């Protein structure tokens, strides 16, 4: 278990500050004869992003073993010191400093080595003030035990402010609403915000095709293409829940869409099944009253497990996120989601076989925004060798992005977005 930083005395702080300058890179001895061998570090990974940077230490351990660690934040310069007890300093840990990129938003460099017998120390020099979360994860999927360091900037990036700065900080993006005639449908002249959610990312690769293509990479490539097409429209702008290879918890994806006052939310995936013959595209919306099919229920359970694989700190409870994940009681929102799904399904059916010719429903956590029409698109089966090749092809990715864009246009043509406040429109 991690000890809170408040337990450190002034003497401890001085000792940490001095010791962080000189680290001895020598092996830690194994446990005494007759005892279980010390946990061994198997892999180290770094996932940099503007939202936060994650450092993951994967290690093997018996069920009776638990990794003991303490961490401390130091100032002038900003550093995070992490001491890990009972592990060996090996070549895996020695490779960690070389994994830090110059453009990492949070980390300047990492030093690693033996601090004293039986204790390995990491000193992370930071580019600014952070709010760290340090926690352990039990084995899941193909991962063994993991020790995770999430380094969140003290002042998190504001997606609304980023949009405002992009559009000049004026009321120009939110043009006045045109009053419709008695016979014409309502038309709202303002920027329409579409949130595109590339599934998985970082520690969570999603499905992996037989050819070695990762779902997280394929869907990010498609999402970026959709964003470019949306941003090229004069009255639309797009926001990606992630624009790099890092993990975003499902609830935070929903919260991000709500923070930017999204008009719709589209989560993009590439499905997998145990049989490589499964193929085709599908569109899903939320259901709180049971899945529309056993396949939809199976897929929702698999996608909802992303938080377990990607790794969420269960010790942190965000009341705002809890409020956003209540039951979808607004019938209008669900009806709009179904309309959006139908428009998109009609378009992607023109470029790929449809796995299901109807809109499927299940309890997807990422679709639980109570006030935003939301769909999840399974673009194809990456577990199907033929479809995997198409998903990895840039020309096909662009075709899929075009089809999804056409579905979005069709939806808004038939369902003009409601007027929002002046502030929301400008942002």
Protein backbone atom coordinates (compact mmCIF):
# COMPACT_ATOMS: atom_id res chain seq x y z
CA UNK A 1 0.00 0.00 0.00
CA UNK A 2 1.19 3.53 -0.73
CA UNK A 3 1.81 5.77 2.29
CA UNK A 4 0.48 9.33 2.03
CA UNK A 5 3.05 12.04 1.59
CA UNK A 6 1.91 13.66 4.83
CA UNK A 7 3.61 10.85 6.81
CA UNK A 8 7.09 12.09 5.83
CA UNK A 9 9.01 14.18 8.38
CA UNK A 10 11.22 17.15 7.55
CA UNK A 11 14.25 14.86 7.93
CA UNK A 12 12.70 12.47 5.40
CA UNK A 13 12.20 15.30 2.93
CA UNK A 14 15.80 16.45 3.24
CA UNK A 15 16.98 12.87 2.85
CA UNK A 16 14.88 12.44 -0.31
CA UNK A 17 16.13 15.69 -1.81
CA UNK A 18 19.77 14.79 -1.26
CA UNK A 19 19.44 11.18 -2.33
CA UNK A 20 17.66 12.11 -5.56
CA UNK A 21 20.92 13.56 -6.86
CA UNK A 22 22.88 10.31 -6.61
CA UNK A 23 21.38 6.94 -7.38
CA UNK A 24 23.40 3.74 -7.21
CA UNK A 25 22.62 1.45 -10.10
CA UNK A 26 23.42 -1.88 -8.45
CA UNK A 27 21.27 -5.00 -8.10
CA UNK A 28 19.02 -5.57 -5.12
CA UNK A 29 19.57 -8.90 -3.40
CA UNK A 30 16.96 -11.62 -3.58
CA UNK A 31 14.98 -12.71 -0.55
CA UNK A 32 16.49 -14.99 2.06
CA UNK A 33 16.68 -18.72 1.46
CA UNK A 34 13.32 -20.42 1.82
CA UNK A 35 11.31 -17.29 1.04
CA UNK A 36 9.52 -16.36 -2.18
CA UNK A 37 11.72 -14.57 -4.72
CA UNK A 38 11.30 -10.83 -4.89
CA UNK A 39 8.88 -9.46 -7.53
CA UNK A 40 10.59 -8.97 -10.88
CA UNK A 41 9.88 -6.02 -13.16
CA UNK A 42 8.71 -7.31 -16.53
CA UNK A 43 8.06 -4.15 -18.52
CA UNK A 44 7.93 -0.38 -18.26
CA UNK A 45 5.71 1.82 -20.44
CA UNK A 46 5.18 5.58 -20.74
CA UNK A 47 2.05 7.15 -22.27
CA UNK A 48 2.45 10.96 -22.65
CA UNK A 49 -0.53 13.22 -23.32
CA UNK A 50 -1.72 16.74 -22.57
CA UNK A 51 -4.48 15.29 -20.37
CA UNK A 52 -1.95 13.38 -18.26
CA UNK A 53 1.15 11.21 -18.57
CA UNK A 54 1.02 7.60 -17.37
CA UNK A 55 4.05 5.53 -16.33
CA UNK A 56 3.35 1.81 -15.88
CA UNK A 57 5.62 -0.70 -14.18
CA UNK A 58 4.50 -4.28 -14.81
CA UNK A 59 5.82 -6.98 -12.50
CA UNK A 60 5.26 -10.58 -11.51
CA UNK A 61 4.31 -11.48 -7.97
CA UNK A 62 2.63 -14.31 -6.09
CA UNK A 63 -0.90 -13.87 -4.79
CA UNK A 64 0.45 -13.38 -1.27
CA UNK A 65 2.85 -10.63 -2.33
CA UNK A 66 2.01 -6.96 -2.52
CA UNK A 67 4.34 -4.27 -3.76
CA UNK A 68 5.13 -1.68 -1.09
CA UNK A 69 5.84 1.83 -2.26
CA UNK A 70 5.93 5.41 -1.02
CA UNK A 71 5.95 8.62 -3.02
CA UNK A 72 6.70 12.25 -2.30
CA UNK A 73 6.42 15.51 -4.24
CA UNK A 74 9.33 17.96 -4.02
CA UNK A 75 9.63 21.56 -5.23
CA UNK A 76 12.37 23.74 -6.74
CA UNK A 77 12.56 21.97 -9.09
CA UNK A 78 9.32 20.00 -9.25
CA UNK A 79 10.01 16.30 -8.74
CA UNK A 80 8.16 13.14 -7.84
CA UNK A 81 10.17 10.61 -5.83
CA UNK A 82 8.93 7.01 -5.76
CA UNK A 83 10.51 4.33 -3.56
CA UNK A 84 9.63 0.69 -4.27
CA UNK A 85 10.53 -1.97 -1.73
CA UNK A 86 11.53 -5.55 -2.43
CA UNK A 87 12.15 -5.43 -6.19
CA UNK A 88 15.32 -5.88 -8.17
CA UNK A 89 16.84 -3.14 -10.24
CA UNK A 90 17.17 -4.86 -13.61
CA UNK A 91 17.63 -4.04 -17.27
CA UNK A 92 13.90 -3.42 -17.68
CA UNK A 93 13.89 -0.63 -15.11
CA UNK A 94 17.20 0.67 -16.44
CA UNK A 95 15.47 1.24 -19.81
CA UNK A 96 12.85 3.58 -18.32
CA UNK A 97 14.83 6.87 -18.63
CA UNK A 98 15.25 6.29 -22.36
CA UNK A 99 11.48 6.07 -22.85
CA UNK A 100 10.88 9.74 -21.96
CA UNK A 101 10.26 11.87 -25.06
CA UNK A 102 11.40 15.48 -25.31
CA UNK A 103 7.82 16.56 -26.02
CA UNK A 104 6.30 14.82 -23.00
CA UNK A 105 3.99 17.49 -21.53
CA UNK A 106 4.65 16.49 -17.92
CA UNK A 107 8.03 14.72 -17.56
CA UNK A 108 11.44 16.27 -18.15
CA UNK A 109 13.46 13.16 -17.31
CA UNK A 110 13.53 10.09 -15.06
CA UNK A 111 16.41 8.70 -13.03
CA UNK A 112 16.19 5.18 -11.67
CA UNK A 113 18.44 3.07 -9.51
CA UNK A 114 19.07 1.41 -6.18
CA UNK A 115 18.55 3.77 -3.24
CA UNK A 116 19.46 1.36 -0.45
CA UNK A 117 19.40 -2.43 0.02
CA UNK A 118 15.97 -3.70 -0.90
CA UNK A 119 14.69 -0.34 -2.22
CA UNK A 120 14.58 0.95 -5.79
CA UNK A 121 14.06 4.67 -6.32
CA UNK A 122 12.60 6.62 -9.22
CA UNK A 123 13.13 10.37 -9.39
CA UNK A 124 10.88 12.01 -11.96
CA UNK A 125 11.83 15.57 -12.87
CA UNK A 126 8.68 17.41 -13.94
CA UNK A 127 8.03 20.24 -16.35
CA UNK A 128 5.53 21.79 -13.97
CA UNK A 129 3.31 21.17 -10.97
CA UNK A 130 1.33 17.93 -11.08
CA UNK A 131 -1.27 16.09 -9.04
CA UNK A 132 -0.07 12.49 -9.08
CA UNK A 133 -2.09 9.34 -8.57
CA UNK A 134 -0.04 6.24 -7.70
CA UNK A 135 -1.89 2.94 -7.45
CA UNK A 136 -1.67 -0.81 -8.08
CA UNK A 137 -3.67 -2.94 -10.50
CA UNK A 138 -4.26 -6.66 -10.25
CA UNK A 139 -3.61 -8.96 -13.22
CA UNK A 140 -6.19 -8.70 -16.01
CA UNK A 141 -6.20 -9.90 -19.59
CA UNK A 142 -2.63 -10.29 -20.79
CA UNK A 143 -1.24 -8.01 -18.08
CA UNK A 144 0.40 -9.12 -14.86
CA UNK A 145 0.48 -6.89 -11.76
CA UNK A 146 0.95 -3.19 -12.53
CA UNK A 147 2.11 -0.18 -10.54
CA UNK A 148 0.72 2.94 -12.20
CA UNK A 149 1.81 6.57 -11.90
CA UNK A 150 -0.68 9.01 -13.41
CA UNK A 151 0.74 12.53 -13.56
CA UNK A 152 -2.09 15.02 -14.01
CA UNK A 153 -1.20 18.68 -14.57
CA UNK A 154 -2.17 20.81 -11.58
CA UNK A 155 -4.17 23.01 -13.95
CA UNK A 156 -5.88 20.57 -16.34
CA UNK A 157 -6.42 21.61 -19.97
CA UNK A 158 -9.85 23.11 -20.55
CA UNK A 159 -11.45 21.80 -23.77
CA UNK A 160 -13.92 24.70 -23.85
CA UNK A 161 -11.11 27.25 -23.61
CA UNK A 162 -9.20 25.46 -26.35
CA UNK A 163 -12.22 25.71 -28.65
CA UNK A 164 -12.69 29.38 -27.79
CA UNK A 165 -9.04 30.17 -28.56
CA UNK A 166 -9.24 28.23 -31.83
CA UNK A 167 -12.15 30.36 -33.01
CA UNK A 168 -10.70 33.70 -31.98
CA UNK A 169 -12.46 34.22 -28.66
CA UNK A 170 -15.36 36.13 -30.21
CA UNK A 171 -19.03 35.54 -30.80
CA UNK A 172 -18.31 34.89 -34.49
CA UNK A 173 -18.58 31.08 -34.21
CA UNK A 174 -22.06 31.37 -32.72
CA UNK A 175 -23.88 33.23 -35.45
CA UNK A 176 -27.41 34.56 -34.73
CA UNK A 177 -30.22 32.06 -34.96
CA UNK A 178 -32.39 32.47 -38.04
CA UNK A 179 -36.10 32.57 -37.27
CA UNK A 180 -37.91 30.00 -39.40
CA UNK A 181 -40.99 30.70 -41.47
CA UNK A 182 -44.28 29.11 -40.49
CA UNK A 183 -43.82 26.25 -42.95
CA UNK A 184 -40.05 25.73 -42.78
CA UNK A 185 -38.34 23.52 -40.16
CA UNK A 186 -36.24 25.32 -37.53
CA UNK A 187 -32.74 26.26 -38.66
CA UNK A 188 -30.05 27.17 -36.15
CA UNK A 189 -27.04 29.04 -37.54
CA UNK A 190 -24.33 28.22 -35.03
CA UNK A 191 -21.35 25.95 -34.76
CA UNK A 192 -22.38 22.36 -34.22
CA UNK A 193 -20.03 20.42 -31.93
CA UNK A 194 -19.38 16.76 -32.65
CA UNK A 195 -17.32 14.66 -30.23
CA UNK A 196 -15.52 11.71 -31.83
CA UNK A 197 -14.33 9.06 -29.40
CA UNK A 198 -11.59 6.70 -30.66
CA UNK A 199 -12.04 3.61 -28.47
CA UNK A 200 -9.36 2.13 -26.21
CA UNK A 201 -5.81 3.58 -26.20
CA UNK A 202 -2.63 3.39 -24.15
CA UNK A 203 -2.64 0.42 -21.79
CA UNK A 204 -5.81 -0.84 -23.48
CA UNK A 205 -5.00 -1.92 -27.06
CA UNK A 206 -8.51 -3.10 -27.82
CA UNK A 207 -8.77 -6.00 -30.25
CA UNK A 208 -5.66 -7.18 -32.09
CA UNK A 209 -5.93 -8.58 -35.60
CA UNK A 210 -4.11 -11.66 -36.86
CA UNK A 211 -1.90 -9.35 -38.90
CA UNK A 212 -0.82 -7.46 -35.79
CA UNK A 213 -2.97 -4.35 -36.24
CA UNK A 214 -4.25 -2.81 -33.00
CA UNK A 215 -7.83 -1.59 -32.76
CA UNK A 216 -6.71 1.50 -30.81
CA UNK A 217 -4.49 2.63 -33.71
CA UNK A 218 -6.97 1.93 -36.48
CA UNK A 219 -9.86 3.76 -34.82
CA UNK A 220 -7.67 6.75 -33.95
CA UNK A 221 -6.66 7.04 -37.62
CA UNK A 222 -10.32 6.94 -38.70
CA UNK A 223 -11.34 9.41 -35.97
CA UNK A 224 -8.69 11.91 -37.07
CA UNK A 225 -10.00 11.70 -40.63
CA UNK A 226 -13.57 12.31 -39.45
CA UNK A 227 -12.42 15.29 -37.41
CA UNK A 228 -10.65 16.82 -40.42
CA UNK A 229 -13.81 16.49 -42.52
CA UNK A 230 -16.01 17.98 -39.79
CA UNK A 231 -13.64 20.89 -39.19
CA UNK A 232 -13.72 21.65 -42.92
CA UNK A 233 -17.45 22.32 -42.70
CA UNK A 234 -18.29 26.02 -42.19
CA UNK A 235 -20.77 25.42 -39.38
CA UNK A 236 -19.24 22.44 -37.56
CA UNK A 237 -16.28 21.60 -35.36
CA UNK A 238 -15.05 18.32 -33.91
CA UNK A 239 -13.40 17.35 -30.64
CA UNK A 240 -11.53 14.07 -30.10
CA UNK A 241 -11.72 12.47 -26.67
CA UNK A 242 -8.11 11.40 -27.27
CA UNK A 243 -5.71 12.53 -29.99
CA UNK A 244 -2.88 10.16 -29.15
CA UNK A 245 -2.03 6.73 -27.81
CA UNK A 246 -3.16 7.03 -24.21
CA UNK A 247 -6.01 5.69 -22.12
CA UNK A 248 -9.09 7.71 -21.16
CA UNK A 249 -11.57 6.13 -18.70
CA UNK A 250 -15.06 5.64 -20.08
CA UNK A 251 -16.68 8.09 -17.67
CA UNK A 252 -14.17 10.82 -18.55
CA UNK A 253 -14.97 10.41 -22.24
CA UNK A 254 -18.62 11.14 -21.43
CA UNK A 255 -17.70 14.06 -19.18
CA UNK A 256 -15.48 15.59 -21.87
CA UNK A 257 -18.37 15.56 -24.35
CA UNK A 258 -20.60 17.33 -21.83
CA UNK A 259 -17.93 19.95 -21.01
CA UNK A 260 -17.81 21.08 -24.64
CA UNK A 261 -21.63 21.15 -24.97
CA UNK A 262 -21.56 18.43 -27.63
CA UNK A 263 -24.47 18.10 -30.05
CA UNK A 264 -23.66 14.45 -30.67
CA UNK A 265 -21.18 11.80 -29.55
CA UNK A 266 -19.79 9.02 -31.75
CA UNK A 267 -17.54 6.28 -30.34
CA UNK A 268 -15.51 4.49 -33.03
CA UNK A 269 -14.39 0.86 -32.66
CA UNK A 270 -13.24 -2.15 -34.69
CA UNK A 271 -14.83 -5.32 -33.36
CA UNK A 272 -13.34 -8.78 -32.75
CA UNK A 273 -14.86 -12.20 -32.32
CA UNK A 274 -13.53 -15.66 -31.53
CA UNK A 275 -14.32 -16.83 -35.07
CA UNK A 276 -12.37 -15.07 -37.85
CA UNK A 277 -15.32 -15.44 -40.22
CA UNK A 278 -17.37 -12.79 -38.38
CA UNK A 279 -17.57 -9.65 -40.50
CA UNK A 280 -19.46 -6.44 -41.14
CA UNK A 281 -20.26 -3.08 -39.57
CA UNK A 282 -22.72 -2.35 -36.76
CA UNK A 283 -24.20 0.64 -34.92
CA UNK A 284 -25.24 0.57 -31.27
CA UNK A 285 -27.14 2.89 -28.95
CA UNK A 286 -27.72 2.74 -25.22
CA UNK A 287 -30.24 0.49 -23.55
CA UNK A 288 -30.94 0.44 -19.84
CA UNK A 289 -33.63 -2.22 -20.21
CA UNK A 290 -31.62 -5.13 -21.47
CA UNK A 291 -29.66 -5.78 -24.66
CA UNK A 292 -31.37 -6.20 -28.02
CA UNK A 293 -29.42 -9.42 -28.64
CA UNK A 294 -26.97 -11.73 -26.91
CA UNK A 295 -24.26 -10.46 -29.25
CA UNK A 296 -24.97 -6.85 -28.24
CA UNK A 297 -24.83 -7.81 -24.56
CA UNK A 298 -21.52 -9.64 -25.07
CA UNK A 299 -20.02 -6.66 -26.90
CA UNK A 300 -21.18 -4.15 -24.27
CA UNK A 301 -19.63 -6.26 -21.50
CA UNK A 302 -16.38 -6.44 -23.46
CA UNK A 303 -16.26 -2.70 -24.17
CA UNK A 304 -17.22 -1.82 -20.59
CA UNK A 305 -14.23 -3.87 -19.40
CA UNK A 306 -11.93 -1.25 -20.97
CA UNK A 307 -11.57 0.49 -17.61
CA UNK A 308 -10.25 -2.73 -16.06
CA UNK A 309 -7.71 -3.28 -18.84
CA UNK A 310 -6.73 0.35 -19.29
CA UNK A 311 -6.44 0.77 -15.53
CA UNK A 312 -8.57 3.13 -13.46
CA UNK A 313 -7.69 4.33 -9.98
CA UNK A 314 -10.72 3.12 -8.06
CA UNK A 315 -9.60 5.06 -5.00
CA UNK A 316 -10.54 8.36 -6.63
CA UNK A 317 -14.24 9.17 -6.69
CA UNK A 318 -15.32 12.04 -8.93
CA UNK A 319 -18.82 13.21 -7.93
CA UNK A 320 -19.24 15.04 -11.23
CA UNK A 321 -18.62 11.85 -13.20
CA UNK A 322 -21.02 9.98 -10.93
CA UNK A 323 -23.75 12.48 -11.71
CA UNK A 324 -23.26 12.14 -15.47
CA UNK A 325 -23.64 8.36 -15.43
CA UNK A 326 -27.21 8.15 -14.20
CA UNK A 327 -29.90 6.25 -16.08
CA UNK A 328 -30.85 7.68 -19.44
CA UNK A 329 -34.36 8.82 -18.58
CA UNK A 330 -34.73 11.43 -21.32
CA UNK A 331 -36.75 9.66 -24.00
CA UNK A 332 -35.94 12.43 -26.46
CA UNK A 333 -32.21 11.81 -26.20
CA UNK A 334 -32.63 8.09 -26.82
CA UNK A 335 -34.90 8.77 -29.79
CA UNK A 336 -32.31 11.15 -31.25
CA UNK A 337 -29.61 8.51 -30.73
CA UNK A 338 -31.71 6.04 -32.71
CA UNK A 339 -32.19 8.59 -35.51
CA UNK A 340 -28.45 9.27 -35.59
CA UNK A 341 -27.69 5.56 -35.61
CA UNK A 342 -30.11 4.95 -38.50
CA UNK A 343 -28.53 7.74 -40.56
CA UNK A 344 -25.02 6.42 -39.98
CA UNK A 345 -25.96 2.77 -40.56
CA UNK A 346 -27.49 3.69 -43.91
CA UNK A 347 -24.23 5.29 -45.04
CA UNK A 348 -21.71 2.70 -43.87
CA UNK A 349 -23.86 -0.01 -45.47
CA UNK A 350 -22.77 1.46 -48.79
CA UNK A 351 -19.09 0.65 -48.25
CA UNK A 352 -19.16 -2.49 -46.12
CA UNK A 353 -21.33 -5.47 -45.32
CA UNK A 354 -23.62 -4.81 -42.37
CA UNK A 355 -23.20 -7.31 -39.56
CA UNK A 356 -26.63 -6.29 -38.38
CA UNK A 357 -29.13 -4.44 -40.53
CA UNK A 358 -30.78 -2.86 -37.49
CA UNK A 359 -29.64 -0.58 -34.69
CA UNK A 360 -28.57 -2.73 -31.75
CA UNK A 361 -28.93 -1.67 -28.11
CA UNK A 362 -27.03 -2.55 -24.94
CA UNK A 363 -25.76 -0.91 -21.75
CA UNK A 364 -22.56 0.73 -23.04
CA UNK A 365 -21.00 2.90 -20.33
CA UNK A 366 -19.51 5.28 -22.90
CA UNK A 367 -22.98 6.12 -24.27
CA UNK A 368 -24.45 7.30 -20.96
CA UNK A 369 -24.45 11.05 -21.53
CA UNK A 370 -28.02 11.93 -20.48
CA UNK A 371 -28.41 14.90 -22.82
CA UNK A 372 -26.30 14.06 -25.92
CA UNK A 373 -27.40 11.78 -28.79
CA UNK A 374 -24.75 9.04 -28.67
CA UNK A 375 -23.85 6.04 -30.81
CA UNK A 376 -21.09 3.44 -30.91
CA UNK A 377 -19.92 2.35 -34.38
CA UNK A 378 -18.16 -0.95 -34.93
CA UNK A 379 -16.53 -0.13 -38.27
CA UNK A 380 -15.59 -3.76 -39.07
CA UNK A 381 -14.20 -6.93 -37.51
CA UNK A 382 -10.46 -6.55 -37.06
CA UNK A 383 -10.42 -10.26 -36.20
CA UNK A 384 -11.45 -10.99 -39.80
CA UNK A 385 -8.21 -11.09 -41.90
CA UNK A 386 -9.88 -9.52 -44.94
CA UNK A 387 -11.50 -6.72 -42.96
CA UNK A 388 -8.31 -6.16 -40.96
CA UNK A 389 -6.44 -5.41 -44.21
CA UNK A 390 -9.13 -2.94 -45.22
CA UNK A 391 -9.13 -1.25 -41.82
CA UNK A 392 -5.36 -0.75 -42.04
CA UNK A 393 -5.61 0.72 -45.55
CA UNK A 394 -5.59 4.53 -45.61
CA UNK A 395 -7.91 4.71 -48.62
CA UNK A 396 -10.48 2.55 -46.87
CA UNK A 397 -10.10 4.53 -43.64
CA UNK A 398 -10.98 7.63 -45.65
CA UNK A 399 -14.00 5.89 -47.19
CA UNK A 400 -15.22 4.93 -43.73
CA UNK A 401 -14.68 8.49 -42.49
CA UNK A 402 -16.63 9.81 -45.49
CA UNK A 403 -19.51 7.45 -44.76
CA UNK A 404 -19.63 8.42 -41.08
CA UNK A 405 -19.46 12.10 -42.04
CA UNK A 406 -22.35 11.62 -44.50
CA UNK A 407 -24.39 9.98 -41.75
CA UNK A 408 -23.74 12.94 -39.45
CA UNK A 409 -24.78 15.40 -42.19
CA UNK A 410 -27.95 13.42 -42.90
CA UNK A 411 -28.86 13.39 -39.22
CA UNK A 412 -28.44 17.14 -38.78
CA UNK A 413 -30.31 17.87 -42.02
CA UNK A 414 -33.31 16.01 -40.63
CA UNK A 415 -32.81 17.01 -36.99
CA UNK A 416 -31.42 20.56 -36.71
CA UNK A 417 -29.71 21.11 -33.35
CA UNK A 418 -31.55 23.16 -30.81
CA UNK A 419 -30.41 26.68 -30.02
CA UNK A 420 -28.02 27.00 -27.11
CA UNK A 421 -27.09 29.89 -24.86
CA UNK A 422 -24.92 32.65 -26.31
CA UNK A 423 -21.95 31.41 -24.27
CA UNK A 424 -22.38 27.80 -25.40
CA UNK A 425 -22.70 28.88 -29.03
CA UNK A 426 -19.61 31.06 -28.88
CA UNK A 427 -17.62 28.30 -27.26
